[in-house]
Amino acid sequence: MNRNLLIVDDEYEILTWLEEMFRYDFKPETDVYTASSARKALELLDQVKFDVVLTDIKMPGMDGITLFQKIKENWPRCKTVFLTGYRNFDDMYQVVKHKDVRYILKSEDDAFIMQTVKEAFEELQKEIEQEALREKRQQDMEKVRLWMEKEFIGSLLKGDFSLTGKNELAKQAGEAGISLAMDRELLLFLVRIDVEGGQIDQQVEVYSLLERVNQIIRRNLPEDVGFHMSIVEEHWSLGMVQPKDLERQNMTRLFTVVCGAIEYSQTFFKRLGGRSFSVVIESTPIGYQEIPAMFFRMKQIMVGGLGREKDVIAHVETVNAQREQILPGKAMAKIPMLKTYLELHRRQEFFELLDEVGAELLRSRSRHDSHGIELYYSVSVLLLQFINENQLYEQIAFHVGLYKLTNVNEHLSWNEALQYLYDVSTAIFRLLGSHEKDLSERALERICGYIEEHLDQELSLTKLADIGGFNASYLSRLFKQVYDVTLTDFIYQKRMKSAALLLKSTNDKIQEIAEKSGYLSPHSFARAFRSFYGISPVEYREISRKERS
């Protein structure tokens, strides 16, 4: 799990001192953020999941104790270390009685301060491990089946409640054990158990795993968040969340909190049995009438976008941002190119085009719509031809039944028909063993390219996550897995190498090189440079000149 530290102090010198100490001298790999006021800290707390906050108690506008209360609203697990210039027993009494709080003086030496923060991280890690152990012990006792609400959720996903009154809908939801207010907007997310090779060994086992994911996510959400999750297919669950308090209905904050809870849950889930799950989540709140369309878009991304990727948190709006909007009546012209992509084994382009064709198929007014039937059979015929031409019939039969390809009436709705075409296509590409770059690789390439071109600018984790289209904490973890270096260290290395080149090849002043390397002051730049190369920038330049002469 990625470790995030937030440092808050209104004195610039102290803030800089602490930032440099934890960025360059703190041994455990940690992403360090800073805020010069409680207000700026609150902005960060709505964007990033923090594990430990190191903050001054006495600050203008909002003191550290009030900030501590705000921290707990977003991140209940977060540990807080109060750092103050003098002893105040009233302040100490307010904070030391809380189990997640420590209190130290600014007069303590660097080693003591870092050790205190390290202990806070270790305590959080120990709690996670203990909770995972407790969860494992309770697995046999927790057998509540998420599919008890299957009939209600199934009707909701098919749009059967489009003409139902809100009072009646609320009544049926209550009878199904769903406590959410169906007359208010909510956020959706889709959960998939990651399985090797895309196959499910035992259906009962997958149901049990989805139930466990439900329980873990519920425990990691704040108390003011309403939540419900239900199994909708053999290895997928649909989650729904909304604020319990109408007066505090902040959907942006809710989205950030839910993403953080999902990330914690992925960590717990892995520790329980070595498995993983992926999530597609939408940040835009919707009404219950819009649930069927949103659910379908999420399924498209899960099947066509994520593919075999594991342990992912992907955002609907980011994945779909670059997709072309198709005009009605134009889908038939896309069929030849769809066949071309299939023959070239170009999975990503194929599924993007199938998204477009599917969007028009879903515009069909009924299952007897002639244009919809023509479109369905056009796609099914090219799939069947490809299967026969490549002698995949016997192999694919182990993944999906093919009899529905030639009988559209086997499907209850166009949603179901389109999902079936996705299932067949996914099975084909699985057998072909496509080696195209996956979603995460492309996102990381964009991020690395952006870093190379913007070393002189702010390169915060949240900004880079926006560029990549992933949750900030997930991006940090993924980057470490792929490149075997933290994102912070990667940026640090790039900046140092760029600075070294400028010192060798130009006569720019040290301050100018510091700015081009993304540092606000020559002092911070010099400390970072010495930590990387073992000598100061001035010494490095002198040695380089002597070597050239």
Protein backbone atom coordinates (compact mmCIF):
# COMPACT_ATOMS: atom_id res chain seq x y z
CA MET A 1 0.00 0.00 0.00
CA ASN A 2 1.24 3.48 -0.87
CA ARG A 3 2.30 5.59 2.17
CA ASN A 4 1.20 9.24 2.17
CA LEU A 5 2.37 11.87 4.69
CA LEU A 6 0.87 15.37 4.97
CA ILE A 7 2.88 18.10 6.77
CA VAL A 8 0.97 21.21 7.90
CA ASP A 9 2.62 24.33 9.36
CA ASP A 10 2.02 28.04 8.79
CA GLU A 11 5.73 28.93 9.26
CA TYR A 12 7.54 28.64 5.91
CA GLU A 13 10.97 27.83 7.39
CA ILE A 14 9.61 25.03 9.57
CA LEU A 15 7.51 23.64 6.74
CA THR A 16 10.53 23.58 4.41
CA TRP A 17 12.70 21.98 7.10
CA LEU A 18 10.20 19.21 7.73
CA GLU A 19 9.55 18.61 4.03
CA GLU A 20 13.24 18.24 3.20
CA MET A 21 13.84 16.03 6.23
CA PHE A 22 11.08 13.58 5.32
CA ARG A 23 11.70 13.72 1.59
CA TYR A 24 15.45 13.05 1.72
CA ASP A 25 16.27 11.55 5.14
CA PHE A 26 13.19 9.46 5.94
CA LYS A 27 14.06 5.88 5.03
CA PRO A 28 10.66 4.21 4.38
CA GLU A 29 9.31 5.03 0.91
CA THR A 30 6.74 7.76 1.48
CA ASP A 31 5.01 10.38 -0.67
CA VAL A 32 5.31 13.72 1.13
CA TYR A 33 2.76 16.54 0.76
CA THR A 34 2.81 19.96 2.43
CA ALA A 35 0.26 22.63 3.30
CA SER A 36 0.98 26.09 4.73
CA SER A 37 -2.46 26.39 6.36
CA ALA A 38 -5.30 24.23 7.60
CA ARG A 39 -7.44 25.45 4.70
CA LYS A 40 -4.93 24.17 2.14
CA ALA A 41 -4.65 20.95 4.11
CA LEU A 42 -8.43 20.47 3.82
CA GLU A 43 -8.19 20.83 0.04
CA LEU A 44 -5.57 18.05 -0.08
CA LEU A 45 -7.58 15.86 2.29
CA ASP A 46 -10.43 15.89 -0.25
CA GLN A 47 -8.08 14.73 -3.02
CA VAL A 48 -5.60 12.26 -1.51
CA LYS A 49 -5.81 9.42 1.01
CA PHE A 50 -3.39 10.21 3.85
CA ASP A 51 -1.99 7.70 6.33
CA VAL A 52 -0.24 10.14 8.68
CA VAL A 53 -0.61 13.91 9.18
CA LEU A 54 2.16 15.86 10.94
CA THR A 55 0.69 19.24 11.94
CA ASP A 56 1.25 22.26 14.14
CA ILE A 57 -1.42 22.86 16.78
CA LYS A 58 -1.46 26.67 16.81
CA MET A 59 -2.29 28.07 13.36
CA PRO A 60 -4.34 31.10 12.23
CA GLY A 61 -7.84 30.47 10.93
CA MET A 62 -8.14 26.87 12.11
CA ASP A 63 -6.06 25.16 14.77
CA GLY A 64 -4.63 21.67 14.51
CA ILE A 65 -7.23 20.13 16.82
CA THR A 66 -10.09 21.28 14.59
CA LEU A 67 -8.12 20.04 11.58
CA PHE A 68 -7.76 16.66 13.32
CA GLN A 69 -11.56 16.37 13.49
CA LYS A 70 -11.79 17.11 9.75
CA ILE A 71 -9.11 14.51 9.00
CA LYS A 72 -11.16 11.82 10.73
CA GLU A 73 -14.24 12.69 8.66
CA ASN A 74 -12.47 11.68 5.44
CA TRP A 75 -9.85 9.20 6.61
CA PRO A 76 -10.87 7.39 9.82
CA ARG A 77 -7.67 5.34 9.85
CA CYS A 78 -5.30 8.30 9.53
CA LYS A 79 -2.80 8.87 12.37
CA THR A 80 -2.03 12.44 13.51
CA VAL A 81 1.22 13.69 15.04
CA PHE A 82 0.95 17.15 16.65
CA LEU A 83 4.12 19.22 16.57
CA THR A 84 4.25 22.35 18.72
CA GLY A 85 6.81 24.88 19.91
CA TYR A 86 5.80 24.77 23.58
CA ARG A 87 3.96 22.60 26.10
CA ASN A 88 0.30 23.41 26.57
CA PHE A 89 -1.40 21.00 28.92
CA ASP A 90 -4.90 21.98 27.80
CA ASP A 91 -4.02 21.10 24.19
CA MET A 92 -2.26 17.93 25.29
CA TYR A 93 -5.28 16.80 27.29
CA GLN A 94 -7.55 17.22 24.24
CA VAL A 95 -5.38 15.13 21.93
CA VAL A 96 -3.45 12.51 23.90
CA LYS A 97 -6.66 10.74 25.00
CA HIS A 98 -7.28 9.74 21.36
CA LYS A 99 -5.62 6.49 20.25
CA ASP A 100 -4.64 7.85 16.81
CA VAL A 101 -2.76 10.91 18.14
CA ARG A 102 0.81 11.66 19.22
CA TYR A 103 2.21 14.92 20.66
CA ILE A 104 5.85 16.05 20.31
CA LEU A 105 7.78 19.31 20.63
CA LYS A 106 9.52 21.10 17.77
CA SER A 107 12.62 21.26 19.96
CA GLU A 108 13.06 17.51 19.62
CA ASP A 109 15.87 16.44 17.30
CA ASP A 110 15.25 15.25 13.71
CA ALA A 111 15.73 11.59 14.55
CA PHE A 112 13.09 11.67 17.29
CA ILE A 113 10.53 13.39 15.06
CA MET A 114 11.12 10.93 12.22
CA GLN A 115 10.93 7.98 14.60
CA THR A 116 7.58 9.20 15.94
CA VAL A 117 6.16 9.45 12.42
CA LYS A 118 7.62 6.05 11.56
CA GLU A 119 5.88 4.55 14.59
CA ALA A 120 2.58 6.07 13.42
CA PHE A 121 2.98 4.37 10.02
CA GLU A 122 3.91 1.10 11.70
CA GLU A 123 0.88 1.29 13.98
CA LEU A 124 -1.41 1.78 10.97
CA GLN A 125 0.22 -1.17 9.20
CA LYS A 126 -0.17 -3.32 12.31
CA GLU A 127 -3.87 -2.42 12.52
CA ILE A 128 -4.35 -3.45 8.88
CA GLU A 129 -2.63 -6.78 9.50
CA GLN A 130 -4.62 -7.43 12.67
CA GLU A 131 -7.89 -6.60 10.97
CA ALA A 132 -7.01 -8.85 8.06
CA LEU A 133 -6.32 -11.63 10.55
CA ARG A 134 -9.64 -11.03 12.31
CA GLU A 135 -11.38 -11.04 8.93
CA LYS A 136 -9.84 -14.38 8.08
CA ARG A 137 -11.02 -15.88 11.35
CA GLN A 138 -14.57 -14.64 10.74
CA GLN A 139 -14.88 -15.88 7.16
CA ASP A 140 -16.78 -19.04 8.15
CA MET A 141 -19.19 -16.98 10.30
CA GLU A 142 -19.99 -14.30 7.71
CA LYS A 143 -22.23 -16.04 5.20
CA VAL A 144 -24.71 -13.31 4.40
CA ARG A 145 -25.49 -13.63 0.72
CA LEU A 146 -25.36 -10.51 -1.39
CA TRP A 147 -27.59 -12.06 -4.05
CA MET A 148 -30.66 -11.79 -1.73
CA GLU A 149 -31.43 -8.49 -3.46
CA LYS A 150 -30.86 -9.99 -6.93
CA GLU A 151 -34.45 -9.62 -8.12
CA PHE A 152 -34.70 -5.95 -7.17
CA ILE A 153 -31.28 -5.05 -8.57
CA GLY A 154 -31.97 -7.03 -11.76
CA SER A 155 -35.16 -5.05 -12.35
CA LEU A 156 -33.31 -1.82 -11.63
CA LEU A 157 -30.58 -2.65 -14.18
CA LYS A 158 -33.15 -3.53 -16.85
CA GLY A 159 -35.02 -0.25 -16.31
CA ASP A 160 -38.21 -2.01 -15.18
CA PHE A 161 -38.76 0.72 -12.58
CA SER A 162 -38.84 3.57 -15.11
CA LEU A 163 -42.60 4.06 -14.57
CA THR A 164 -42.70 3.12 -10.89
CA GLY A 165 -43.49 5.88 -8.42
CA LYS A 166 -40.74 6.92 -6.04
CA ASN A 167 -42.72 5.85 -2.98
CA GLU A 168 -43.30 2.40 -4.41
CA LEU A 169 -39.66 2.15 -5.47
CA ALA A 170 -38.49 3.13 -1.98
CA LYS A 171 -40.81 0.51 -0.49
CA GLN A 172 -39.45 -2.25 -2.75
CA ALA A 173 -35.88 -1.17 -2.04
CA GLY A 174 -36.53 -1.35 1.70
CA GLU A 175 -38.04 -4.81 1.38
CA ALA A 176 -34.89 -5.90 -0.48
CA GLY A 177 -32.70 -4.67 2.38
CA ILE A 178 -31.41 -1.60 0.51
CA SER A 179 -31.29 1.44 2.81
CA LEU A 180 -30.32 4.01 0.16
CA ALA A 181 -32.75 6.78 -0.78
CA MET A 182 -33.72 5.89 -4.34
CA ASP A 183 -35.21 9.36 -4.96
CA ARG A 184 -31.74 10.93 -4.51
CA GLU A 185 -28.64 10.82 -6.69
CA LEU A 186 -25.94 8.28 -6.01
CA LEU A 187 -22.55 7.11 -7.30
CA LEU A 188 -22.02 3.72 -8.93
CA PHE A 189 -19.02 1.44 -9.12
CA LEU A 190 -18.56 -2.01 -10.62
CA VAL A 191 -16.39 -4.66 -8.89
CA ARG A 192 -14.82 -7.63 -10.65
CA ILE A 193 -12.98 -10.50 -9.00
CA ASP A 194 -9.69 -10.89 -10.90
CA VAL A 195 -9.30 -14.49 -12.02
CA GLU A 196 -6.34 -16.07 -13.84
CA GLY A 197 -7.03 -16.49 -17.56
CA GLY A 198 -10.41 -14.81 -17.20
CA GLN A 199 -12.08 -18.10 -16.10
CA ILE A 200 -14.00 -18.95 -12.96
CA ASP A 201 -13.18 -22.21 -11.21
CA GLN A 202 -16.16 -22.48 -8.89
CA GLN A 203 -19.15 -20.16 -8.95
CA VAL A 204 -19.90 -20.62 -5.25
CA GLU A 205 -16.35 -19.58 -4.39
CA VAL A 206 -16.66 -16.39 -6.47
CA TYR A 207 -19.92 -15.47 -4.73
CA SER A 208 -18.14 -15.90 -1.40
CA LEU A 209 -15.28 -13.68 -2.54
CA LEU A 210 -17.69 -10.95 -3.68
CA GLU A 211 -19.46 -11.10 -0.34
CA ARG A 212 -16.12 -10.64 1.39
CA VAL A 213 -15.30 -7.62 -0.80
CA ASN A 214 -18.68 -6.13 0.15
CA GLN A 215 -17.96 -6.53 3.87
CA ILE A 216 -14.44 -5.09 3.60
CA ILE A 217 -15.50 -2.01 1.61
CA ARG A 218 -18.35 -1.34 4.04
CA ARG A 219 -15.94 -1.30 7.01
CA ASN A 220 -13.55 1.09 5.26
CA LEU A 221 -16.17 3.72 4.44
CA PRO A 222 -16.93 6.59 6.86
CA GLU A 223 -20.13 6.33 8.88
CA ASP A 224 -21.77 9.24 7.04
CA VAL A 225 -21.73 7.33 3.72
CA GLY A 226 -24.70 5.18 2.73
CA PHE A 227 -23.61 2.04 0.89
CA HIS A 228 -25.05 -1.02 -0.80
CA MET A 229 -23.41 -3.64 -3.01
CA SER A 230 -25.07 -6.55 -4.79
CA ILE A 231 -23.85 -9.40 -6.99
CA VAL A 232 -25.13 -8.84 -10.53
CA GLU A 233 -23.24 -11.49 -12.52
CA GLU A 234 -21.11 -14.52 -11.79
CA HIS A 235 -18.00 -12.52 -10.86
CA TRP A 236 -19.21 -8.89 -10.79
CA SER A 237 -20.89 -6.77 -8.10
CA LEU A 238 -22.52 -3.35 -8.39
CA GLY A 239 -21.85 -0.84 -5.61
CA MET A 240 -24.01 2.19 -4.85
CA VAL A 241 -23.09 5.01 -2.43
CA GLN A 242 -24.58 8.34 -1.36
CA PRO A 243 -24.19 10.75 1.58
CA LYS A 244 -26.56 10.01 4.46
CA ASP A 245 -26.85 13.70 5.34
CA LEU A 246 -28.52 15.89 2.69
CA GLU A 247 -26.88 19.02 4.13
CA ARG A 248 -23.41 17.52 3.62
CA GLN A 249 -24.04 16.11 0.15
CA ASN A 250 -20.66 16.79 -1.42
CA MET A 251 -20.29 14.33 -4.31
CA THR A 252 -16.68 15.34 -5.09
CA ARG A 253 -15.63 14.54 -1.54
CA LEU A 254 -17.72 11.35 -1.63
CA PHE A 255 -15.95 10.16 -4.81
CA THR A 256 -12.51 10.69 -3.26
CA VAL A 257 -13.48 8.94 -0.03
CA VAL A 258 -14.96 5.95 -1.86
CA CYS A 259 -11.82 5.56 -4.02
CA GLY A 260 -9.68 5.61 -0.87
CA ALA A 261 -11.89 3.02 0.81
CA ILE A 262 -11.65 0.79 -2.26
CA GLU A 263 -7.87 1.03 -2.23
CA TYR A 264 -7.71 0.02 1.45
CA SER A 265 -10.10 -2.82 0.67
CA GLN A 266 -7.92 -4.09 -2.17
CA THR A 267 -5.01 -4.28 0.31
CA PHE A 268 -7.07 -6.21 2.89
CA PHE A 269 -8.47 -8.54 0.25
CA LYS A 270 -5.00 -9.45 -1.01
CA ARG A 271 -3.77 -10.20 2.49
CA LEU A 272 -6.70 -12.50 3.14
CA GLY A 273 -6.05 -14.89 0.29
CA GLY A 274 -3.64 -13.49 -2.28
CA ARG A 275 -6.47 -12.56 -4.66
CA SER A 276 -7.32 -9.19 -6.15
CA PHE A 277 -10.31 -7.29 -7.48
CA SER A 278 -10.69 -4.39 -9.92
CA VAL A 279 -13.16 -1.51 -9.94
CA VAL A 280 -14.67 0.80 -12.55
CA ILE A 281 -16.17 3.87 -10.87
CA GLU A 282 -18.07 6.94 -12.08
CA SER A 283 -17.59 10.32 -10.37
CA THR A 284 -20.80 11.87 -11.74
CA PRO A 285 -23.89 11.31 -9.54
CA ILE A 286 -26.95 9.81 -11.30
CA GLY A 287 -30.62 9.07 -10.63
CA TYR A 288 -32.02 5.54 -10.54
CA GLN A 289 -33.43 5.92 -14.10
CA GLU A 290 -29.86 6.33 -15.42
CA ILE A 291 -28.49 3.22 -13.69
CA PRO A 292 -29.04 0.80 -16.65
CA ALA A 293 -27.09 2.97 -19.12
CA MET A 294 -24.27 3.64 -16.63
CA PHE A 295 -24.04 -0.04 -15.71
CA PHE A 296 -23.66 -0.94 -19.38
CA ARG A 297 -20.88 1.63 -19.89
CA MET A 298 -19.04 0.24 -16.89
CA LYS A 299 -19.33 -3.29 -18.26
CA GLN A 300 -17.93 -2.10 -21.59
CA ILE A 301 -14.88 -0.67 -19.83
CA MET A 302 -14.43 -3.74 -17.66
CA VAL A 303 -14.49 -6.07 -20.65
CA GLY A 304 -13.03 -3.98 -23.46
CA GLY A 305 -10.83 -1.52 -21.57
CA LEU A 306 -9.34 -3.32 -18.58
CA GLY A 307 -9.22 -6.80 -20.09
CA ARG A 308 -6.92 -8.95 -17.93
CA GLU A 309 -5.54 -6.11 -15.83
CA LYS A 310 -5.66 -6.70 -12.09
CA ASP A 311 -6.04 -4.60 -8.95
CA VAL A 312 -7.29 -1.59 -10.95
CA ILE A 313 -9.38 1.44 -10.03
CA ALA A 314 -10.48 3.04 -13.34
CA HIS A 315 -12.69 6.11 -13.85
CA VAL A 316 -15.50 5.94 -16.41
CA GLU A 317 -15.26 9.53 -17.57
CA THR A 318 -11.49 9.37 -18.11
CA VAL A 319 -11.53 6.12 -20.06
CA ASN A 320 -14.36 7.39 -22.27
CA ALA A 321 -13.00 10.93 -22.71
CA GLN A 322 -11.26 10.25 -26.02
CA ARG A 323 -13.91 8.00 -27.54
CA GLU A 324 -15.64 9.36 -30.62
CA GLN A 325 -19.38 10.01 -30.44
CA ILE A 326 -21.14 8.05 -33.20
CA LEU A 327 -24.07 9.51 -35.20
CA PRO A 328 -27.32 7.51 -35.54
CA GLY A 329 -27.49 5.30 -38.64
CA LYS A 330 -23.72 5.20 -39.21
CA ALA A 331 -22.84 1.99 -37.38
CA MET A 332 -23.22 -0.32 -40.38
CA ALA A 333 -20.36 1.50 -42.08
CA LYS A 334 -18.14 0.52 -39.15
CA ILE A 335 -18.60 -3.25 -39.60
CA PRO A 336 -15.83 -3.76 -42.24
CA MET A 337 -13.30 -1.96 -40.04
CA LEU A 338 -14.49 -4.02 -37.07
CA LYS A 339 -13.62 -7.16 -39.05
CA THR A 340 -10.24 -5.68 -40.02
CA TYR A 341 -9.32 -5.02 -36.38
CA LEU A 342 -10.33 -8.56 -35.49
CA GLU A 343 -8.18 -10.04 -38.25
CA LEU A 344 -5.22 -7.89 -37.19
CA HIS A 345 -5.67 -8.98 -33.54
CA ARG A 346 -5.92 -5.32 -32.48
CA ARG A 347 -7.97 -5.74 -29.33
CA GLN A 348 -8.12 -2.13 -28.12
CA GLU A 349 -9.25 -0.67 -31.46
CA PHE A 350 -11.75 -3.51 -31.90
CA PHE A 351 -13.49 -2.91 -28.58
CA GLU A 352 -13.49 0.87 -29.01
CA LEU A 353 -15.25 0.40 -32.35
CA LEU A 354 -17.60 -2.18 -30.85
CA ASP A 355 -18.49 0.45 -28.22
CA GLU A 356 -19.61 2.75 -31.04
CA VAL A 357 -21.60 0.06 -32.82
CA GLY A 358 -23.15 -0.96 -29.51
CA ALA A 359 -24.19 2.62 -28.76
CA GLU A 360 -26.36 2.62 -31.90
CA LEU A 361 -27.67 -0.88 -31.21
CA LEU A 362 -28.97 0.35 -27.84
CA ARG A 363 -30.93 3.10 -29.58
CA SER A 364 -33.23 0.45 -31.06
CA ARG A 365 -36.74 1.05 -29.73
CA SER A 366 -37.65 -2.62 -29.31
CA ARG A 367 -36.22 -6.11 -29.79
CA HIS A 368 -38.09 -6.23 -33.11
CA ASP A 369 -36.42 -3.10 -34.49
CA SER A 370 -35.23 -4.05 -38.00
CA HIS A 371 -32.13 -1.85 -37.87
CA GLY A 372 -31.10 -3.33 -34.51
CA ILE A 373 -31.59 -6.88 -35.83
CA GLU A 374 -29.52 -6.10 -38.93
CA LEU A 375 -26.76 -4.60 -36.82
CA TYR A 376 -26.70 -7.54 -34.41
CA TYR A 377 -26.46 -10.14 -37.16
CA SER A 378 -23.79 -8.13 -39.00
CA VAL A 379 -21.54 -8.36 -35.95
CA SER A 380 -22.47 -11.95 -35.07
CA VAL A 381 -21.79 -13.15 -38.64
CA LEU A 382 -18.30 -11.62 -38.75
CA LEU A 383 -17.52 -13.21 -35.35
CA LEU A 384 -18.78 -16.60 -36.50
CA GLN A 385 -16.80 -16.36 -39.75
CA PHE A 386 -13.63 -15.50 -37.87
CA ILE A 387 -14.16 -18.39 -35.43
CA ASN A 388 -14.60 -20.87 -38.31
CA GLU A 389 -11.73 -19.48 -40.39
CA ASN A 390 -9.35 -19.75 -37.45
CA GLN A 391 -10.68 -23.13 -36.27
CA LEU A 392 -11.57 -21.77 -32.81
CA TYR A 393 -15.00 -23.38 -32.54
CA GLU A 394 -14.08 -26.24 -30.18
CA GLN A 395 -11.82 -24.09 -28.00
CA ILE A 396 -14.24 -21.19 -27.63
CA ALA A 397 -17.08 -23.54 -26.66
CA PHE A 398 -15.36 -23.91 -23.26
CA HIS A 399 -15.72 -20.15 -22.68
CA VAL A 400 -19.11 -19.19 -24.12
CA GLY A 401 -22.03 -20.84 -25.96
CA LEU A 402 -22.28 -19.86 -29.64
CA TYR A 403 -25.87 -20.82 -30.41
CA LYS A 404 -27.10 -17.30 -29.61
CA LEU A 405 -24.99 -15.81 -32.40
CA THR A 406 -27.55 -16.99 -34.95
CA ASN A 407 -30.67 -16.36 -32.85
CA VAL A 408 -31.21 -12.83 -31.57
CA ASN A 409 -34.49 -13.89 -29.93
CA GLU A 410 -32.49 -15.77 -27.28
CA HIS A 411 -31.77 -12.38 -25.68
CA LEU A 412 -34.29 -10.62 -23.44
CA SER A 413 -33.02 -7.12 -24.31
CA TRP A 414 -30.55 -5.29 -26.54
CA ASN A 415 -28.42 -4.72 -23.43
CA GLU A 416 -28.18 -8.47 -22.98
CA ALA A 417 -27.53 -9.03 -26.70
CA LEU A 418 -24.70 -6.53 -26.79
CA GLN A 419 -23.13 -7.97 -23.65
CA TYR A 420 -23.20 -11.38 -25.33
CA LEU A 421 -21.32 -9.98 -28.35
CA TYR A 422 -18.75 -8.59 -25.89
CA ASP A 423 -18.45 -11.99 -24.19
CA VAL A 424 -17.84 -13.79 -27.50
CA SER A 425 -15.33 -11.15 -28.63
CA THR A 426 -13.49 -11.33 -25.30
CA ALA A 427 -13.24 -15.12 -25.59
CA ILE A 428 -11.83 -14.79 -29.13
CA PHE A 429 -9.11 -12.37 -28.08
CA ARG A 430 -8.30 -14.50 -25.05
CA LEU A 431 -7.65 -17.44 -27.35
CA LEU A 432 -5.66 -15.32 -29.78
CA GLY A 433 -3.39 -14.19 -26.95
CA SER A 434 -3.24 -10.55 -28.02
CA HIS A 435 -0.04 -8.86 -26.85
CA GLU A 436 -1.09 -5.26 -27.24
CA LYS A 437 -0.27 -2.82 -24.49
CA ASP A 438 -2.90 -2.67 -21.80
CA LEU A 439 -4.61 0.35 -20.33
CA SER A 440 -2.14 0.82 -17.48
CA GLU A 441 0.92 0.69 -19.74
CA ARG A 442 -0.49 3.40 -21.98
CA ALA A 443 -1.37 5.55 -18.98
CA LEU A 444 2.14 5.19 -17.52
CA GLU A 445 3.72 6.09 -20.87
CA ARG A 446 1.65 9.31 -20.96
CA ILE A 447 2.70 10.14 -17.42
CA CYS A 448 6.42 9.51 -18.05
CA GLY A 449 6.29 11.65 -21.19
CA TYR A 450 4.58 14.45 -19.29
CA ILE A 451 7.20 14.31 -16.52
CA GLU A 452 10.06 14.54 -19.04
CA GLU A 453 8.55 17.66 -20.62
CA HIS A 454 7.52 19.44 -17.39
CA LEU A 455 10.38 18.96 -14.92
CA ASP A 456 10.26 22.68 -14.08
CA GLN A 457 6.60 22.55 -13.05
CA GLU A 458 4.59 21.08 -10.21
CA LEU A 459 4.40 17.29 -10.60
CA SER A 460 2.03 16.33 -7.81
CA LEU A 461 0.64 12.83 -7.57
CA THR A 462 -2.94 14.06 -8.02
CA LYS A 463 -2.04 15.98 -11.18
CA LEU A 464 -0.24 13.01 -12.72
CA ALA A 465 -3.14 10.74 -11.72
CA ASP A 466 -5.51 13.00 -13.67
CA ILE A 467 -3.27 12.66 -16.72
CA GLY A 468 -3.19 8.88 -16.39
CA GLY A 469 -6.88 8.56 -15.56
CA PHE A 470 -6.49 6.57 -12.34
CA ASN A 471 -6.97 7.02 -8.63
CA ALA A 472 -3.91 8.82 -7.20
CA SER A 473 -2.99 6.15 -4.67
CA TYR A 474 -3.50 3.37 -7.21
CA LEU A 475 -1.22 5.17 -9.69
CA SER A 476 1.52 5.41 -7.08
CA ARG A 477 1.28 1.70 -6.31
CA LEU A 478 1.10 0.71 -9.99
CA PHE A 479 4.13 2.85 -10.91
CA LYS A 480 6.20 1.13 -8.23
CA GLN A 481 5.13 -2.30 -9.47
CA VAL A 482 5.97 -1.56 -13.11
CA TYR A 483 9.17 0.49 -12.78
CA ASP A 484 10.46 -0.82 -9.42
CA VAL A 485 10.84 2.76 -8.18
CA THR A 486 8.36 5.12 -6.55
CA LEU A 487 6.89 7.90 -8.64
CA THR A 488 8.47 10.45 -6.30
CA ASP A 489 11.93 8.91 -6.74
CA PHE A 490 11.44 8.68 -10.51
CA ILE A 491 10.74 12.43 -10.70
CA TYR A 492 13.64 13.09 -8.33
CA GLN A 493 16.04 11.10 -10.53
CA LYS A 494 14.88 12.81 -13.72
CA ARG A 495 15.29 16.24 -12.15
CA MET A 496 18.76 15.44 -10.85
CA LYS A 497 19.94 14.09 -14.21
CA SER A 498 18.52 17.13 -15.98
CA ALA A 499 20.21 19.43 -13.46
CA ALA A 500 23.54 17.63 -13.88
CA LEU A 501 23.33 18.08 -17.65
CA LEU A 502 22.60 21.80 -17.25
CA LEU A 503 25.53 22.19 -14.86
CA LYS A 504 27.84 20.52 -17.37
CA SER A 505 26.65 22.11 -20.59
CA THR A 506 25.52 25.64 -19.63
CA ASN A 507 26.69 28.67 -17.68
CA ASP A 508 23.28 29.17 -16.08
CA LYS A 509 23.27 30.36 -12.48
CA ILE A 510 22.54 27.78 -9.79
CA GLN A 511 19.22 29.47 -9.01
CA GLU A 512 18.16 29.28 -12.67
CA ILE A 513 19.04 25.59 -12.81
CA ALA A 514 17.13 25.02 -9.57
CA GLU A 515 14.01 26.60 -11.10
CA LYS A 516 14.36 24.58 -14.31
CA SER A 517 14.63 21.46 -12.17
CA GLY A 518 11.43 22.21 -10.29
CA TYR A 519 12.84 23.57 -7.01
CA LEU A 520 11.57 26.76 -5.37
CA SER A 521 14.86 27.69 -3.68
CA PRO A 522 18.58 27.11 -4.30
CA HIS A 523 18.85 25.70 -0.78
CA SER A 524 16.29 22.94 -1.41
CA PHE A 525 17.90 22.20 -4.78
CA ALA A 526 21.40 21.98 -3.25
CA ARG A 527 20.23 19.62 -0.51
CA ALA A 528 18.48 17.37 -3.02
CA PHE A 529 21.48 17.41 -5.38
CA ARG A 530 23.93 16.55 -2.61
CA SER A 531 21.69 13.73 -1.43
CA PHE A 532 21.68 12.28 -4.98
CA TYR A 533 25.29 12.85 -6.14
CA GLY A 534 27.14 13.20 -2.80
CA ILE A 535 28.51 16.65 -3.72
CA SER A 536 27.08 20.16 -4.12
CA PRO A 537 26.01 21.59 -7.51
CA VAL A 538 28.97 24.00 -7.45
CA GLU A 539 31.44 21.16 -6.79
CA TYR A 540 29.85 19.08 -9.56
CA ARG A 541 30.22 21.94 -12.06
CA GLU A 542 33.88 22.52 -11.11
CA ILE A 543 34.72 18.81 -11.46
CA SER A 544 32.99 18.67 -14.85
CA ARG A 545 34.94 21.68 -16.12
CA LYS A 546 38.23 20.17 -14.98
CA GLU A 547 37.41 16.93 -16.78
CA ARG A 548 36.76 18.81 -20.03
CA SER A 549 39.94 20.90 -19.83
